């Protein structure tokens, strides 16, 4: 004998699905979109996408790395104001703290600090020193393809560290 519910449906054939659609976008999809905006030099859209990724998934280290790159907006670190450099530096530090063990992140941070602080002859700046970042980077595995992409986006050919890195990967 079959049982029926309040709507007259047979209970033995009823399937209940408890499904709630998420309003939150997939952070991986958003990260990919942000990277495409960055490649297209749509910096504000890239920045928005990366910030949203961080809001949704704060442990995604790639979002911090790419947000730092987007904040440069294709400009040389040397010409930025200190507040902008500090924001980029903090994002790169966060990427490392989040567990990004790719030495490219450390090299990016070293390049930004070297070009801004040393390029502007600022002697007293907060640690870490550029040389310490380079040493840390060299003790890690470095993704050469990621480094090539990074160097292609940083317009600073007269920076000695930049030139040394370009020579190493050529």
N, C-alpha and C. Protein backbone atom coordinates (compact mmCIF):
# COMPACT_ATOMS: atom_id res chain seq x y z
N UNK A 1 0.84 -1.17 0.00
CA UNK A 1 0.00 0.00 0.00
C UNK A 1 0.89 1.24 0.00
N UNK A 2 0.61 2.18 -0.85
CA UNK A 2 1.39 3.41 -0.98
C UNK A 2 0.92 4.45 0.01
N UNK A 3 1.88 5.29 0.42
CA UNK A 3 1.55 6.40 1.31
C UNK A 3 1.56 7.67 0.46
N UNK A 4 0.74 8.64 0.88
CA UNK A 4 0.64 9.90 0.17
C UNK A 4 0.93 11.05 1.12
N UNK A 5 1.56 12.11 0.56
CA UNK A 5 1.83 13.28 1.40
C UNK A 5 0.67 14.26 1.29
N UNK A 6 0.86 15.48 1.85
CA UNK A 6 -0.20 16.48 1.88
C UNK A 6 -0.62 16.95 0.49
N UNK A 7 0.27 16.80 -0.48
CA UNK A 7 -0.05 17.24 -1.84
C UNK A 7 -0.60 16.12 -2.69
N UNK A 8 -0.76 14.97 -2.09
CA UNK A 8 -1.29 13.83 -2.82
C UNK A 8 -0.25 13.09 -3.62
N UNK A 9 1.04 13.35 -3.38
CA UNK A 9 2.09 12.64 -4.09
C UNK A 9 2.48 11.40 -3.31
N UNK A 10 2.82 10.38 -4.06
CA UNK A 10 3.23 9.14 -3.41
C UNK A 10 4.57 9.35 -2.74
N UNK A 11 4.66 9.02 -1.47
CA UNK A 11 5.87 9.23 -0.69
C UNK A 11 6.98 8.29 -1.13
N UNK A 12 6.67 7.10 -1.53
CA UNK A 12 7.71 6.16 -1.91
C UNK A 12 8.36 6.52 -3.25
N UNK A 13 7.79 7.48 -3.98
CA UNK A 13 8.36 7.90 -5.25
C UNK A 13 8.82 9.36 -5.24
N UNK A 14 8.67 9.99 -4.11
CA UNK A 14 9.01 11.40 -4.01
C UNK A 14 10.51 11.58 -3.77
N UNK A 15 11.08 12.54 -4.43
CA UNK A 15 12.47 12.88 -4.24
C UNK A 15 12.53 14.32 -3.76
N UNK A 16 13.14 14.53 -2.62
CA UNK A 16 13.30 15.88 -2.09
C UNK A 16 14.74 16.33 -2.31
N UNK A 17 14.87 17.47 -2.90
CA UNK A 17 16.20 18.02 -3.16
C UNK A 17 16.30 19.34 -2.42
N UNK A 18 17.29 19.43 -1.58
CA UNK A 18 17.53 20.66 -0.86
C UNK A 18 18.72 21.33 -1.53
N UNK A 19 18.46 22.23 -2.44
CA UNK A 19 19.50 22.87 -3.23
C UNK A 19 19.35 24.37 -3.11
N UNK A 20 20.45 25.03 -2.78
CA UNK A 20 20.43 26.48 -2.73
C UNK A 20 21.49 26.99 -3.69
N UNK A 21 21.07 27.80 -4.60
CA UNK A 21 22.02 28.39 -5.55
C UNK A 21 22.89 29.40 -4.82
N UNK A 22 24.17 29.36 -5.08
CA UNK A 22 25.10 30.27 -4.45
C UNK A 22 25.16 31.57 -5.24
N UNK A 23 25.14 32.67 -4.52
CA UNK A 23 25.27 33.98 -5.15
C UNK A 23 26.74 34.31 -5.41
N UNK A 24 27.62 33.55 -4.78
CA UNK A 24 29.05 33.82 -4.89
C UNK A 24 29.63 33.17 -6.14
N UNK A 25 30.34 33.95 -6.93
CA UNK A 25 30.98 33.38 -8.12
C UNK A 25 32.16 32.49 -7.72
N UNK A 26 32.54 31.64 -8.61
CA UNK A 26 33.68 30.75 -8.40
C UNK A 26 34.96 31.59 -8.41
N UNK A 27 35.76 31.54 -7.33
CA UNK A 27 36.97 32.38 -7.28
C UNK A 27 37.99 32.05 -8.37
N UNK A 28 38.05 30.79 -8.79
CA UNK A 28 38.99 30.41 -9.85
C UNK A 28 38.59 31.04 -11.17
N UNK A 29 37.30 31.06 -11.46
CA UNK A 29 36.79 31.70 -12.68
C UNK A 29 37.06 33.20 -12.62
N UNK A 30 36.81 33.81 -11.47
CA UNK A 30 37.07 35.24 -11.31
C UNK A 30 38.56 35.56 -11.47
N UNK A 31 39.42 34.71 -10.92
CA UNK A 31 40.86 34.91 -11.06
C UNK A 31 41.26 34.88 -12.53
N UNK A 32 40.73 33.91 -13.27
CA UNK A 32 41.02 33.81 -14.70
C UNK A 32 40.52 35.05 -15.45
N UNK A 33 39.35 35.55 -15.07
CA UNK A 33 38.82 36.76 -15.70
C UNK A 33 39.73 37.95 -15.40
N UNK A 34 40.17 38.05 -14.15
CA UNK A 34 41.07 39.13 -13.76
C UNK A 34 42.36 39.09 -14.55
N UNK A 35 42.91 37.89 -14.74
CA UNK A 35 44.14 37.75 -15.51
C UNK A 35 43.92 38.20 -16.96
N UNK A 36 42.77 37.86 -17.51
CA UNK A 36 42.46 38.31 -18.89
C UNK A 36 42.34 39.83 -18.95
N UNK A 37 41.71 40.43 -17.94
CA UNK A 37 41.63 41.90 -17.89
C UNK A 37 43.03 42.50 -17.79
N UNK A 38 43.88 41.88 -16.98
CA UNK A 38 45.25 42.36 -16.80
C UNK A 38 46.02 42.29 -18.12
N UNK A 39 45.87 41.18 -18.83
CA UNK A 39 46.54 41.02 -20.12
C UNK A 39 46.04 42.05 -21.14
N UNK A 40 44.76 42.43 -21.02
CA UNK A 40 44.19 43.42 -21.93
C UNK A 40 44.45 44.86 -21.46
N UNK A 41 45.19 45.00 -20.36
CA UNK A 41 45.51 46.29 -19.74
C UNK A 41 44.27 47.04 -19.28
N UNK A 42 43.24 46.28 -18.93
CA UNK A 42 42.04 46.84 -18.32
C UNK A 42 42.24 46.75 -16.81
N UNK A 43 43.09 47.65 -16.31
CA UNK A 43 43.57 47.52 -14.95
C UNK A 43 42.48 47.65 -13.89
N UNK A 44 41.55 48.58 -14.05
CA UNK A 44 40.50 48.75 -13.04
C UNK A 44 39.62 47.51 -12.96
N UNK A 45 39.30 46.91 -14.09
CA UNK A 45 38.49 45.70 -14.08
C UNK A 45 39.28 44.55 -13.46
N UNK A 46 40.56 44.47 -13.75
CA UNK A 46 41.41 43.44 -13.17
C UNK A 46 41.48 43.61 -11.66
N UNK A 47 41.69 44.84 -11.21
CA UNK A 47 41.76 45.13 -9.78
C UNK A 47 40.47 44.70 -9.08
N UNK A 48 39.33 45.05 -9.67
CA UNK A 48 38.04 44.67 -9.09
C UNK A 48 37.88 43.16 -9.01
N UNK A 49 38.27 42.46 -10.06
CA UNK A 49 38.15 41.01 -10.08
C UNK A 49 39.03 40.37 -9.01
N UNK A 50 40.28 40.82 -8.90
CA UNK A 50 41.20 40.24 -7.92
C UNK A 50 40.75 40.55 -6.48
N UNK A 51 40.24 41.75 -6.26
CA UNK A 51 39.72 42.10 -4.92
C UNK A 51 38.54 41.21 -4.56
N UNK A 52 37.69 40.92 -5.54
CA UNK A 52 36.54 40.06 -5.29
C UNK A 52 37.00 38.63 -4.98
N UNK A 53 38.02 38.16 -5.68
CA UNK A 53 38.56 36.82 -5.38
C UNK A 53 39.05 36.78 -3.95
N UNK A 54 39.77 37.80 -3.52
CA UNK A 54 40.31 37.84 -2.15
C UNK A 54 39.19 37.89 -1.13
N UNK A 55 38.12 38.61 -1.45
CA UNK A 55 36.97 38.68 -0.55
C UNK A 55 36.30 37.31 -0.40
N UNK A 56 36.18 36.60 -1.51
CA UNK A 56 35.52 35.28 -1.50
C UNK A 56 36.44 34.21 -0.93
N UNK A 57 37.70 34.24 -1.36
CA UNK A 57 38.67 33.19 -0.98
C UNK A 57 39.97 33.85 -0.55
N UNK A 58 40.05 34.34 0.71
CA UNK A 58 41.23 35.10 1.15
C UNK A 58 42.54 34.31 1.17
N UNK A 59 42.48 33.01 1.04
CA UNK A 59 43.71 32.21 1.07
C UNK A 59 44.27 31.92 -0.32
N UNK A 60 43.70 32.52 -1.36
CA UNK A 60 44.16 32.28 -2.73
C UNK A 60 45.32 33.22 -3.05
N UNK A 61 46.54 32.72 -2.90
CA UNK A 61 47.74 33.56 -3.02
C UNK A 61 47.90 34.19 -4.41
N UNK A 62 47.48 33.50 -5.44
CA UNK A 62 47.60 34.06 -6.81
C UNK A 62 46.83 35.37 -6.96
N UNK A 63 45.75 35.52 -6.23
CA UNK A 63 44.97 36.76 -6.32
C UNK A 63 45.77 37.94 -5.79
N UNK A 64 46.53 37.73 -4.72
CA UNK A 64 47.35 38.80 -4.16
C UNK A 64 48.47 39.18 -5.13
N UNK A 65 49.10 38.17 -5.70
CA UNK A 65 50.17 38.38 -6.67
C UNK A 65 49.67 39.19 -7.87
N UNK A 66 48.56 38.76 -8.44
CA UNK A 66 48.04 39.44 -9.63
C UNK A 66 47.46 40.81 -9.30
N UNK A 67 46.89 40.97 -8.10
CA UNK A 67 46.40 42.29 -7.70
C UNK A 67 47.58 43.26 -7.59
N UNK A 68 48.70 42.80 -7.05
CA UNK A 68 49.90 43.65 -6.97
C UNK A 68 50.34 44.08 -8.37
N UNK A 69 50.32 43.15 -9.29
CA UNK A 69 50.71 43.46 -10.67
C UNK A 69 49.72 44.45 -11.31
N UNK A 70 48.45 44.25 -11.05
CA UNK A 70 47.42 45.15 -11.60
C UNK A 70 47.55 46.56 -11.02
N UNK A 71 47.89 46.66 -9.74
CA UNK A 71 48.03 47.98 -9.12
C UNK A 71 49.17 48.80 -9.72
N UNK A 72 50.15 48.13 -10.28
CA UNK A 72 51.22 48.86 -10.97
C UNK A 72 50.70 49.54 -12.24
N UNK A 73 49.65 48.98 -12.82
CA UNK A 73 49.00 49.54 -14.01
C UNK A 73 49.99 49.77 -15.15
N UNK A 74 50.94 48.84 -15.30
CA UNK A 74 51.90 48.95 -16.38
C UNK A 74 52.97 50.01 -16.15
N UNK A 75 52.97 50.61 -14.96
CA UNK A 75 53.93 51.67 -14.67
C UNK A 75 55.17 51.11 -13.96
N UNK A 76 56.22 51.81 -14.10
CA UNK A 76 57.47 51.45 -13.44
C UNK A 76 57.34 51.76 -11.94
N UNK A 77 57.75 50.85 -11.06
CA UNK A 77 57.64 51.11 -9.61
C UNK A 77 58.32 52.41 -9.18
N UNK A 78 59.42 52.77 -9.77
CA UNK A 78 60.19 53.94 -9.40
C UNK A 78 59.37 55.23 -9.43
N UNK A 79 58.39 55.31 -10.33
CA UNK A 79 57.63 56.56 -10.49
C UNK A 79 56.38 56.63 -9.61
N UNK A 80 56.09 55.58 -8.91
CA UNK A 80 54.89 55.56 -8.08
C UNK A 80 55.12 56.32 -6.78
N UNK A 81 54.04 56.61 -6.09
CA UNK A 81 54.18 57.23 -4.77
C UNK A 81 54.33 56.12 -3.73
N UNK A 82 54.89 56.48 -2.62
CA UNK A 82 55.25 55.49 -1.59
C UNK A 82 54.04 54.66 -1.15
N UNK A 83 52.90 55.29 -0.99
CA UNK A 83 51.70 54.57 -0.56
C UNK A 83 51.35 53.45 -1.54
N UNK A 84 51.51 53.70 -2.85
CA UNK A 84 51.24 52.67 -3.85
C UNK A 84 52.24 51.52 -3.74
N UNK A 85 53.51 51.85 -3.54
CA UNK A 85 54.54 50.82 -3.40
C UNK A 85 54.28 49.99 -2.15
N UNK A 86 53.91 50.64 -1.06
CA UNK A 86 53.63 49.91 0.18
C UNK A 86 52.45 48.96 0.00
N UNK A 87 51.44 49.37 -0.77
CA UNK A 87 50.28 48.50 -1.02
C UNK A 87 50.69 47.29 -1.84
N UNK A 88 51.49 47.50 -2.87
CA UNK A 88 51.99 46.41 -3.71
C UNK A 88 52.85 45.47 -2.88
N UNK A 89 53.74 46.05 -2.08
CA UNK A 89 54.64 45.26 -1.23
C UNK A 89 53.85 44.40 -0.24
N UNK A 90 52.82 44.97 0.35
CA UNK A 90 52.01 44.23 1.32
C UNK A 90 51.27 43.07 0.65
N UNK A 91 50.78 43.29 -0.55
CA UNK A 91 50.11 42.22 -1.29
C UNK A 91 51.07 41.07 -1.60
N UNK A 92 52.29 41.41 -2.00
CA UNK A 92 53.28 40.37 -2.31
C UNK A 92 53.70 39.63 -1.05
N UNK A 93 53.80 40.35 0.06
CA UNK A 93 54.07 39.70 1.33
C UNK A 93 52.93 38.75 1.69
N UNK A 94 51.70 39.19 1.47
CA UNK A 94 50.53 38.35 1.76
C UNK A 94 50.53 37.08 0.91
N UNK A 95 50.91 37.22 -0.35
CA UNK A 95 50.97 36.04 -1.22
C UNK A 95 51.94 35.02 -0.65
N UNK A 96 53.05 35.48 -0.13
CA UNK A 96 54.04 34.58 0.47
C UNK A 96 53.50 33.97 1.76
N UNK A 97 52.87 34.79 2.59
CA UNK A 97 52.30 34.30 3.85
C UNK A 97 51.21 33.27 3.58
N UNK A 98 50.48 33.45 2.47
CA UNK A 98 49.41 32.51 2.12
C UNK A 98 49.96 31.17 1.64
N UNK A 99 51.26 31.09 1.51
CA UNK A 99 51.85 29.81 1.15
C UNK A 99 52.41 29.71 -0.25
N UNK A 100 52.47 30.82 -0.96
CA UNK A 100 53.05 30.77 -2.31
C UNK A 100 54.56 30.62 -2.17
N UNK A 101 55.06 29.46 -2.48
CA UNK A 101 56.49 29.17 -2.32
C UNK A 101 57.27 29.38 -3.62
N UNK A 102 56.61 29.91 -4.64
CA UNK A 102 57.29 30.20 -5.90
C UNK A 102 58.22 31.39 -5.69
N UNK A 103 59.48 31.22 -5.99
CA UNK A 103 60.45 32.30 -5.84
C UNK A 103 60.14 33.52 -6.68
N UNK A 104 59.28 33.37 -7.67
CA UNK A 104 58.91 34.51 -8.52
C UNK A 104 58.25 35.61 -7.71
N UNK A 105 57.47 35.23 -6.71
CA UNK A 105 56.81 36.23 -5.86
C UNK A 105 57.86 37.05 -5.13
N UNK A 106 58.87 36.38 -4.59
CA UNK A 106 59.95 37.08 -3.89
C UNK A 106 60.75 37.96 -4.85
N UNK A 107 60.99 37.47 -6.06
CA UNK A 107 61.70 38.28 -7.04
C UNK A 107 60.89 39.50 -7.46
N UNK A 108 59.59 39.34 -7.59
CA UNK A 108 58.71 40.46 -7.91
C UNK A 108 58.82 41.51 -6.80
N UNK A 109 58.74 41.05 -5.57
CA UNK A 109 58.84 41.97 -4.43
C UNK A 109 60.22 42.66 -4.42
N UNK A 110 61.27 41.91 -4.70
CA UNK A 110 62.62 42.48 -4.74
C UNK A 110 62.73 43.53 -5.86
N UNK A 111 62.18 43.22 -7.01
CA UNK A 111 62.22 44.16 -8.13
C UNK A 111 61.50 45.46 -7.81
N UNK A 112 60.33 45.35 -7.21
CA UNK A 112 59.54 46.54 -6.86
C UNK A 112 60.30 47.38 -5.84
N UNK A 113 60.80 46.73 -4.80
CA UNK A 113 61.53 47.45 -3.76
C UNK A 113 62.82 48.06 -4.30
N UNK A 114 63.55 47.31 -5.11
CA UNK A 114 64.80 47.82 -5.66
C UNK A 114 64.55 49.03 -6.55
N UNK A 115 63.58 48.92 -7.44
CA UNK A 115 63.33 50.01 -8.37
C UNK A 115 62.82 51.25 -7.64
N UNK A 116 61.97 51.06 -6.65
CA UNK A 116 61.42 52.23 -5.95
C UNK A 116 62.43 52.82 -4.97
N UNK A 117 62.86 52.02 -4.01
CA UNK A 117 63.72 52.56 -2.94
C UNK A 117 65.13 52.89 -3.45
N UNK A 118 65.79 51.95 -4.07
CA UNK A 118 67.15 52.21 -4.55
C UNK A 118 67.13 53.14 -5.75
N UNK A 119 66.14 53.00 -6.62
CA UNK A 119 66.04 53.88 -7.79
C UNK A 119 65.80 55.33 -7.42
N UNK A 120 65.15 55.55 -6.28
CA UNK A 120 64.91 56.91 -5.80
C UNK A 120 65.89 57.32 -4.70
N UNK A 121 66.93 56.52 -4.52
CA UNK A 121 67.98 56.77 -3.53
C UNK A 121 67.45 56.92 -2.11
N UNK A 122 66.46 56.09 -1.79
CA UNK A 122 65.92 56.07 -0.43
C UNK A 122 66.70 55.00 0.32
N UNK A 123 67.48 55.42 1.29
CA UNK A 123 68.37 54.48 1.99
C UNK A 123 67.69 53.79 3.17
N UNK A 124 66.88 54.51 3.88
CA UNK A 124 66.22 53.95 5.07
C UNK A 124 64.80 53.52 4.72
N UNK A 125 64.65 52.25 4.45
CA UNK A 125 63.32 51.72 4.18
C UNK A 125 63.11 50.47 5.02
N UNK A 126 61.85 50.14 5.25
CA UNK A 126 61.57 49.00 6.14
C UNK A 126 62.04 47.67 5.53
N UNK A 127 62.41 46.73 6.40
CA UNK A 127 62.82 45.41 5.89
C UNK A 127 61.66 44.72 5.21
N UNK A 128 61.95 43.73 4.40
CA UNK A 128 63.24 43.11 4.15
C UNK A 128 64.04 43.88 3.09
N UNK A 129 65.35 43.68 3.15
CA UNK A 129 66.22 44.27 2.15
C UNK A 129 66.07 43.51 0.83
N UNK A 130 66.38 44.18 -0.25
CA UNK A 130 66.28 43.58 -1.58
C UNK A 130 67.15 42.32 -1.66
N UNK A 131 68.37 42.39 -1.16
CA UNK A 131 69.28 41.25 -1.24
C UNK A 131 68.70 40.04 -0.49
N UNK A 132 68.03 40.28 0.63
CA UNK A 132 67.42 39.18 1.40
C UNK A 132 66.27 38.54 0.62
N UNK A 133 65.50 39.34 -0.08
CA UNK A 133 64.41 38.80 -0.91
C UNK A 133 64.97 37.96 -2.05
N UNK A 134 66.05 38.44 -2.66
CA UNK A 134 66.66 37.69 -3.76
C UNK A 134 67.21 36.36 -3.24
N UNK A 135 67.87 36.39 -2.10
CA UNK A 135 68.39 35.15 -1.51
C UNK A 135 67.26 34.16 -1.22
N UNK A 136 66.18 34.65 -0.66
CA UNK A 136 65.02 33.79 -0.38
C UNK A 136 64.47 33.22 -1.67
N UNK A 137 64.35 34.06 -2.69
CA UNK A 137 63.82 33.61 -3.98
C UNK A 137 64.69 32.52 -4.58
N UNK A 138 65.99 32.70 -4.50
CA UNK A 138 66.90 31.72 -5.09
C UNK A 138 66.94 30.40 -4.32
N UNK A 139 66.46 30.42 -3.08
CA UNK A 139 66.39 29.18 -2.31
C UNK A 139 65.09 28.42 -2.58
N UNK A 140 64.19 29.04 -3.35
CA UNK A 140 62.91 28.43 -3.70
C UNK A 140 62.94 27.97 -5.16
N UNK A 141 61.95 27.19 -5.50
CA UNK A 141 61.76 26.83 -6.91
C UNK A 141 61.17 28.05 -7.62
N UNK A 142 61.71 28.37 -8.78
CA UNK A 142 61.24 29.53 -9.54
C UNK A 142 60.57 29.05 -10.81
N UNK A 143 59.35 29.49 -11.01
CA UNK A 143 58.60 29.17 -12.22
C UNK A 143 59.09 30.12 -13.32
N UNK A 144 59.92 29.62 -14.21
CA UNK A 144 60.55 30.44 -15.24
C UNK A 144 59.51 31.08 -16.16
N UNK A 145 58.46 30.35 -16.51
CA UNK A 145 57.42 30.93 -17.37
C UNK A 145 56.73 32.10 -16.67
N UNK A 146 56.42 31.93 -15.39
CA UNK A 146 55.79 33.01 -14.62
C UNK A 146 56.73 34.20 -14.51
N UNK A 147 58.03 33.93 -14.34
CA UNK A 147 59.02 35.00 -14.27
C UNK A 147 59.11 35.75 -15.60
N UNK A 148 59.08 35.03 -16.71
CA UNK A 148 59.11 35.67 -18.03
C UNK A 148 57.92 36.62 -18.20
N UNK A 149 56.75 36.14 -17.83
CA UNK A 149 55.53 36.97 -17.94
C UNK A 149 55.68 38.20 -17.05
N UNK A 150 56.16 38.00 -15.84
CA UNK A 150 56.34 39.12 -14.92
C UNK A 150 57.29 40.17 -15.51
N UNK A 151 58.44 39.71 -15.98
CA UNK A 151 59.43 40.65 -16.53
C UNK A 151 58.90 41.38 -17.76
N UNK A 152 58.04 40.72 -18.53
CA UNK A 152 57.48 41.38 -19.72
C UNK A 152 56.49 42.49 -19.33
N UNK A 153 55.99 42.44 -18.10
CA UNK A 153 55.02 43.44 -17.66
C UNK A 153 55.65 44.57 -16.84
N UNK A 154 56.93 44.44 -16.53
CA UNK A 154 57.61 45.47 -15.75
C UNK A 154 58.54 46.29 -16.66
N UNK A 155 58.20 47.53 -16.92
CA UNK A 155 59.00 48.35 -17.83
C UNK A 155 60.19 49.01 -17.12
N UNK A 156 61.26 48.27 -16.88
CA UNK A 156 62.41 48.84 -16.18
C UNK A 156 63.73 48.24 -16.64
N UNK A 157 64.05 48.32 -17.93
CA UNK A 157 65.24 47.68 -18.46
C UNK A 157 66.57 48.23 -17.92
N UNK A 158 66.58 49.46 -17.38
CA UNK A 158 67.83 50.01 -16.85
C UNK A 158 68.06 49.66 -15.39
N UNK A 159 67.15 48.88 -14.78
CA UNK A 159 67.33 48.41 -13.41
C UNK A 159 68.28 47.21 -13.45
N UNK A 160 69.31 47.22 -12.61
CA UNK A 160 70.33 46.17 -12.65
C UNK A 160 69.77 44.80 -12.30
N UNK A 161 68.91 44.72 -11.29
CA UNK A 161 68.32 43.43 -10.91
C UNK A 161 67.47 42.90 -12.06
N UNK A 162 66.67 43.76 -12.65
CA UNK A 162 65.84 43.40 -13.79
C UNK A 162 66.71 42.85 -14.93
N UNK A 163 67.77 43.58 -15.26
CA UNK A 163 68.66 43.19 -16.35
C UNK A 163 69.32 41.84 -16.06
N UNK A 164 69.71 41.62 -14.80
CA UNK A 164 70.33 40.35 -14.42
C UNK A 164 69.35 39.19 -14.57
N UNK A 165 68.10 39.42 -14.20
CA UNK A 165 67.09 38.36 -14.32
C UNK A 165 66.79 38.07 -15.79
N UNK A 166 66.67 39.10 -16.59
CA UNK A 166 66.42 38.91 -18.02
C UNK A 166 67.58 38.12 -18.64
N UNK A 167 68.80 38.44 -18.27
CA UNK A 167 69.96 37.73 -18.81
C UNK A 167 69.94 36.25 -18.38
N UNK A 168 69.49 35.97 -17.18
CA UNK A 168 69.45 34.59 -16.68
C UNK A 168 68.43 33.73 -17.41
N UNK A 169 67.31 34.33 -17.81
CA UNK A 169 66.28 33.50 -18.44
C UNK A 169 66.34 33.52 -19.97
N UNK A 170 67.24 34.31 -20.52
CA UNK A 170 67.37 34.39 -21.99
C UNK A 170 68.13 33.22 -22.54
